[in-house]
Amino acid sequence: MAEECARGEREGWREFVRDYAGIARQLLELYFPALAPELDMHVAAVFQRARANDSAWFQGLKFSNEREFAMSFRELVFAYGREEAKVPAPEISIEQYAQVIQDLTLIERELLWLFVKGYTATQIAPIMMNAAATAEAVKKIADQRLAQILPAATKDAFNVSARVLTEAAEKSAGEHCLSLKTFNNLINGQLTWRERELAEEHMRACFNCLDRFTSFQEMIRYRKDAEPLPESGIEAVLAGLALPPAKKKGFFSKLRAR
C-alpha cells in the first residue's frame, strides 16, 4: 500500500483512505474538538496533506511494521490539527503535573496520561489491557493531589491542559529516548528482564516517552478496532487527491478475484 501511495497509484490510496480515515476522525475529534463542526472536511484535508507534492509524505516515510506506520500517520494528523485548531488556555503546567504524579508507578502514570488525553476509564481499559477500576482509582488520587496544588482548578483541568502538556512532553525529548522498536518489543514481551527494567525506568522519568508509549498503545487499539470507510466515503476523499484513474485489471487478476 505505502509503495503504491508513494507512486501516486489510486488503488494504494483507496486502501489507505479505507483503513485510516476512521482513525483520523477519532484523533481529530478527541484531540482537536474545535474542528468538530467540519470534521469531514478536515479528515479529507489530512489525506490531501499526505498527497501534496506528488505524495511527498509517503516518499519520505520509513517504518518496519504497521504499528510504526500508524505512529507516523498519527504525527501527520497532529501536524494538521495543531495548525488548524486554536490552543485552549491550559490550567496546569508540565511542572505542576510533575508534582501530581511524583510518586506514582509507571502504570499509574500511563493511565493518568490517557485521562489527560481525554479518555474515560472504560476506554483506557482496552488500550492498556488493564481494569477500568484501576484507572478510576488513579484518577481519583490525581484529582485529590491537583486540588491540593491548585485549589482553583476545575474538574476538567487535566483534559483542558492536554494539548499544552503533550506538546511540552514532546519538547523534553532527548538522545536517550526509546525507539518505536523498543516499544513494540516491550508490548510483545521480546525484551530481557534487564532491558525491560531499564526501559520502564526511563519511561517513568521521561514525559516524552510516556506520551509516545501511551500513543503507541493507543494506535494499536485504534487500528485493531478500525472499521473500513464505506465506498461512498472513500470516493469523496479520493476526489480531492488528484489521482489517476484506477488501473484496469488484467485477465489473470480477474481470475484470481473470482
Protein backbone atom coordinates (compact mmCIF):
# COMPACT_ATOMS: atom_id res chain seq x y z
CA MET A 1 0.00 0.00 0.00
CA ALA A 2 2.69 2.51 1.01
CA GLU A 3 4.68 1.83 -2.17
CA GLU A 4 1.59 2.32 -4.33
CA CYS A 5 0.72 5.54 -2.49
CA ALA A 6 4.28 6.84 -2.97
CA ARG A 7 3.86 6.23 -6.72
CA GLY A 8 0.51 8.02 -6.68
CA GLU A 9 -1.47 4.92 -7.62
CA ARG A 10 -5.19 5.12 -6.96
CA GLU A 11 -5.61 1.60 -5.54
CA GLY A 12 -2.99 2.19 -2.85
CA TRP A 13 -4.68 5.44 -1.84
CA ARG A 14 -8.05 3.71 -1.83
CA GLU A 15 -6.75 1.18 0.70
CA PHE A 16 -5.09 3.90 2.78
CA VAL A 17 -8.25 6.02 2.95
CA ARG A 18 -10.44 2.97 3.60
CA ASP A 19 -8.39 1.83 6.60
CA TYR A 20 -7.23 5.12 8.14
CA ALA A 21 -9.97 7.73 7.57
CA GLY A 22 -11.87 6.50 10.62
CA ILE A 23 -8.72 6.71 12.73
CA ALA A 24 -8.06 10.27 11.52
CA ARG A 25 -11.60 11.19 12.52
CA GLN A 26 -11.19 9.73 16.03
CA LEU A 27 -7.89 11.52 16.60
CA LEU A 28 -9.17 14.89 15.37
CA GLU A 29 -12.39 14.56 17.36
CA LEU A 30 -10.58 13.69 20.61
CA TYR A 31 -7.56 15.98 20.45
CA PHE A 32 -8.86 18.91 18.38
CA PRO A 33 -12.57 19.27 19.29
CA ALA A 34 -12.69 22.77 17.85
CA LEU A 35 -12.58 21.17 14.38
CA ALA A 36 -15.68 19.02 15.04
CA PRO A 37 -18.22 21.20 13.13
CA GLU A 38 -16.43 20.46 9.82
CA LEU A 39 -14.85 17.12 10.66
CA ASP A 40 -15.39 15.50 7.25
CA MET A 41 -13.55 18.36 5.57
CA HIS A 42 -10.65 18.13 7.99
CA VAL A 43 -10.34 14.34 7.61
CA ALA A 44 -10.13 14.80 3.84
CA ALA A 45 -7.55 17.56 4.33
CA VAL A 46 -5.29 15.17 6.27
CA PHE A 47 -5.12 12.90 3.22
CA GLN A 48 -4.62 15.89 0.94
CA ARG A 49 -1.61 16.80 3.04
CA ALA A 50 -0.18 13.31 2.60
CA ARG A 51 -0.83 13.51 -1.16
CA ALA A 52 0.70 17.01 -1.57
CA ASN A 53 3.83 17.47 -3.69
CA ASP A 54 3.39 14.17 -5.52
CA SER A 55 2.83 12.11 -2.33
CA ALA A 56 5.95 13.53 -0.66
CA TRP A 57 4.84 12.31 2.78
CA PHE A 58 4.93 8.70 1.63
CA GLN A 59 8.17 9.13 -0.25
CA GLY A 60 9.97 10.24 2.90
CA LEU A 61 8.36 7.63 5.15
CA LYS A 62 10.36 4.92 6.93
CA PHE A 63 8.81 2.18 9.03
CA SER A 64 9.39 -1.52 9.81
CA ASN A 65 5.82 -2.60 10.62
CA GLU A 66 2.26 -1.32 10.59
CA ARG A 67 2.47 -0.12 14.18
CA GLU A 68 5.29 2.24 13.23
CA PHE A 69 3.34 3.34 10.14
CA ALA A 70 0.34 4.10 12.37
CA MET A 71 2.52 6.30 14.58
CA SER A 72 3.74 8.24 11.53
CA PHE A 73 0.12 8.69 10.47
CA ARG A 74 -0.71 9.95 13.96
CA GLU A 75 2.05 12.56 13.60
CA LEU A 76 0.58 13.61 10.24
CA VAL A 77 -2.86 14.08 11.81
CA PHE A 78 -1.41 16.02 14.74
CA ALA A 79 0.67 18.30 12.50
CA TYR A 80 -2.53 19.18 10.63
CA GLY A 81 -4.67 19.56 13.77
CA ARG A 82 -2.16 21.80 15.51
CA GLU A 83 -2.09 24.17 12.56
CA GLU A 84 -5.85 24.34 12.16
CA ALA A 85 -7.13 24.39 15.78
CA LYS A 86 -6.50 27.06 18.40
CA VAL A 87 -4.65 26.08 21.56
CA PRO A 88 -7.01 26.15 24.59
CA ALA A 89 -5.79 28.06 27.63
CA PRO A 90 -4.24 25.46 29.97
CA GLU A 91 -4.89 25.23 33.69
CA ILE A 92 -1.86 23.06 34.53
CA SER A 93 1.80 23.40 33.53
CA ILE A 94 4.06 20.41 32.98
CA GLU A 95 5.90 21.30 36.21
CA GLN A 96 2.65 21.25 38.21
CA TYR A 97 1.68 17.97 36.57
CA ALA A 98 5.05 16.53 37.63
CA GLN A 99 4.13 17.36 41.23
CA VAL A 100 0.84 15.48 40.88
CA ILE A 101 2.50 12.27 39.67
CA GLN A 102 5.76 12.44 41.61
CA ASP A 103 5.38 9.11 43.46
CA LEU A 104 3.09 7.26 41.05
CA THR A 105 4.23 4.00 39.46
CA LEU A 106 4.82 3.78 35.71
CA ILE A 107 1.50 2.07 35.02
CA GLU A 108 -0.30 4.70 37.13
CA ARG A 109 1.43 7.43 35.13
CA GLU A 110 0.38 5.79 31.87
CA LEU A 111 -3.23 5.50 32.98
CA LEU A 112 -3.39 9.11 34.14
CA TRP A 113 -1.75 10.38 30.95
CA LEU A 114 -4.55 8.76 28.97
CA PHE A 115 -7.07 10.54 31.21
CA VAL A 116 -5.27 13.77 30.38
CA LYS A 117 -5.68 12.98 26.69
CA GLY A 118 -9.43 12.78 27.17
CA TYR A 119 -10.16 9.07 27.51
CA THR A 120 -12.55 7.61 30.06
CA ALA A 121 -11.70 4.66 32.32
CA THR A 122 -13.82 2.40 30.11
CA GLN A 123 -11.84 3.46 27.03
CA ILE A 124 -8.49 3.24 28.79
CA ALA A 125 -9.01 -0.35 29.93
CA PRO A 126 -8.70 -1.97 26.45
CA ILE A 127 -5.90 0.38 25.39
CA MET A 128 -3.79 -0.53 28.41
CA MET A 129 -5.23 -4.03 28.90
CA ASN A 130 -5.98 -3.03 32.47
CA ALA A 131 -9.07 -2.86 34.65
CA ALA A 132 -11.21 0.26 34.36
CA ALA A 133 -11.47 0.31 38.17
CA THR A 134 -7.69 0.69 38.40
CA ALA A 135 -7.79 3.67 36.05
CA GLU A 136 -10.59 5.27 38.07
CA ALA A 137 -8.64 4.83 41.29
CA VAL A 138 -5.58 6.55 39.77
CA LYS A 139 -7.70 9.44 38.52
CA LYS A 140 -9.23 9.90 41.96
CA ILE A 141 -5.79 10.14 43.59
CA ALA A 142 -4.62 12.61 40.92
CA ASP A 143 -7.70 14.80 41.35
CA GLN A 144 -7.10 14.97 45.10
CA ARG A 145 -3.47 15.98 44.61
CA LEU A 146 -4.34 18.55 41.98
CA ALA A 147 -6.84 20.14 44.37
CA GLN A 148 -4.04 20.50 46.92
CA ILE A 149 -1.59 22.00 44.42
CA LEU A 150 -4.12 24.16 42.52
CA PRO A 151 -7.25 24.69 44.64
CA ALA A 152 -8.88 26.75 41.87
CA ALA A 153 -8.51 24.04 39.22
CA THR A 154 -11.71 22.83 37.57
CA LYS A 155 -12.77 19.18 37.30
CA ASP A 156 -11.69 19.22 33.63
CA ALA A 157 -8.30 20.78 34.32
CA PHE A 158 -6.30 17.78 33.11
CA ASN A 159 -8.08 17.49 29.77
CA VAL A 160 -8.24 21.26 29.20
CA SER A 161 -4.46 21.31 29.58
CA ALA A 162 -3.88 18.21 27.43
CA ARG A 163 -2.54 19.89 24.31
CA VAL A 164 -0.08 22.10 26.18
CA LEU A 165 1.06 19.17 28.34
CA THR A 166 1.60 16.82 25.39
CA GLU A 167 3.48 19.47 23.43
CA ALA A 168 5.67 20.16 26.47
CA ALA A 169 6.29 16.41 26.75
CA GLU A 170 7.45 16.27 23.13
CA LYS A 171 9.86 19.15 23.69
CA SER A 172 11.52 17.20 26.52
CA ALA A 173 12.77 14.52 24.08
CA GLY A 174 16.43 13.59 24.41
CA GLU A 175 19.05 11.36 22.84
CA HIS A 176 18.27 8.52 25.26
CA CYS A 177 14.56 8.35 24.43
CA LEU A 178 13.28 4.92 23.46
CA SER A 179 12.64 3.83 19.89
CA LEU A 180 9.35 2.58 18.49
CA LYS A 181 11.06 -0.79 18.06
CA THR A 182 11.68 -0.90 21.82
CA PHE A 183 8.03 -0.06 22.49
CA ASN A 184 6.96 -2.83 20.13
CA ASN A 185 9.28 -5.36 21.76
CA LEU A 186 8.11 -4.28 25.21
CA ILE A 187 4.47 -4.88 24.29
CA ASN A 188 5.30 -8.19 22.59
CA GLY A 189 7.35 -9.44 25.57
CA GLN A 190 10.53 -9.59 23.47
CA LEU A 191 12.84 -7.78 25.90
CA THR A 192 15.03 -9.41 28.51
CA TRP A 193 14.15 -8.76 32.13
CA ARG A 194 17.01 -6.23 32.40
CA GLU A 195 16.10 -4.47 29.12
CA ARG A 196 12.50 -4.16 30.29
CA GLU A 197 13.58 -2.80 33.66
CA LEU A 198 15.78 -0.12 32.03
CA ALA A 199 13.06 0.84 29.54
CA GLU A 200 10.44 1.22 32.26
CA GLU A 201 12.84 3.15 34.47
CA HIS A 202 13.46 5.60 31.63
CA MET A 203 9.75 5.99 30.83
CA ARG A 204 8.90 6.73 34.44
CA ALA A 205 11.21 9.75 34.34
CA CYS A 206 10.62 10.87 30.73
CA PHE A 207 7.46 12.71 29.72
CA ASN A 208 8.26 12.32 26.02
CA CYS A 209 8.50 8.53 26.21
CA LEU A 210 5.45 8.35 28.49
CA ASP A 211 3.49 10.25 25.85
CA ARG A 212 4.84 8.24 22.91
CA PHE A 213 4.39 4.85 24.59
CA THR A 214 0.77 5.55 25.51
CA SER A 215 0.25 6.89 21.97
CA PHE A 216 1.79 3.68 20.57
CA GLN A 217 -0.68 1.59 22.58
CA GLU A 218 -3.50 3.94 21.59
CA MET A 219 -2.77 3.45 17.87
CA ILE A 220 -2.59 -0.33 18.25
CA ARG A 221 -6.11 -0.26 19.70
CA TYR A 222 -7.38 2.18 17.07
CA ARG A 223 -6.05 0.03 14.24
CA LYS A 224 -7.44 -3.15 15.80
CA ASP A 225 -10.91 -1.67 16.23
CA ALA A 226 -10.98 0.36 13.00
CA GLU A 227 -13.89 -0.19 10.63
CA PRO A 228 -13.34 0.30 6.88
CA LEU A 229 -14.72 3.52 5.43
CA PRO A 230 -17.79 2.92 3.23
CA GLU A 231 -17.28 3.14 -0.54
CA SER A 232 -19.08 6.48 -0.78
CA GLY A 233 -16.77 7.95 1.88
CA ILE A 234 -13.67 6.62 0.14
CA GLU A 235 -14.68 8.17 -3.18
CA ALA A 236 -15.41 11.51 -1.52
CA VAL A 237 -11.86 11.68 -0.13
CA LEU A 238 -10.19 10.35 -3.29
CA ALA A 239 -11.97 13.03 -5.35
CA GLY A 240 -9.79 15.69 -3.73
CA LEU A 241 -6.45 13.93 -4.22
CA ALA A 242 -5.83 14.43 -7.96
CA LEU A 243 -5.16 10.74 -8.54
CA PRO A 244 -5.09 8.95 -11.91
CA PRO A 245 -7.91 6.52 -12.72
CA ALA A 246 -7.59 3.01 -11.30
CA LYS A 247 -5.66 0.58 -13.48
CA LYS A 248 -7.78 -1.94 -15.33
CA LYS A 249 -7.37 -5.46 -14.04
CA GLY A 250 -5.75 -7.97 -16.41
CA PHE A 251 -7.20 -11.32 -17.32
CA PHE A 252 -5.28 -13.25 -14.62
CA SER A 253 -6.15 -10.67 -11.93
CA LYS A 254 -9.83 -11.16 -12.74
CA LEU A 255 -9.45 -14.94 -12.44
CA ARG A 256 -7.83 -14.61 -9.01
CA ALA A 257 -10.65 -12.34 -7.84
CA ARG A 258 -13.31 -14.97 -8.65
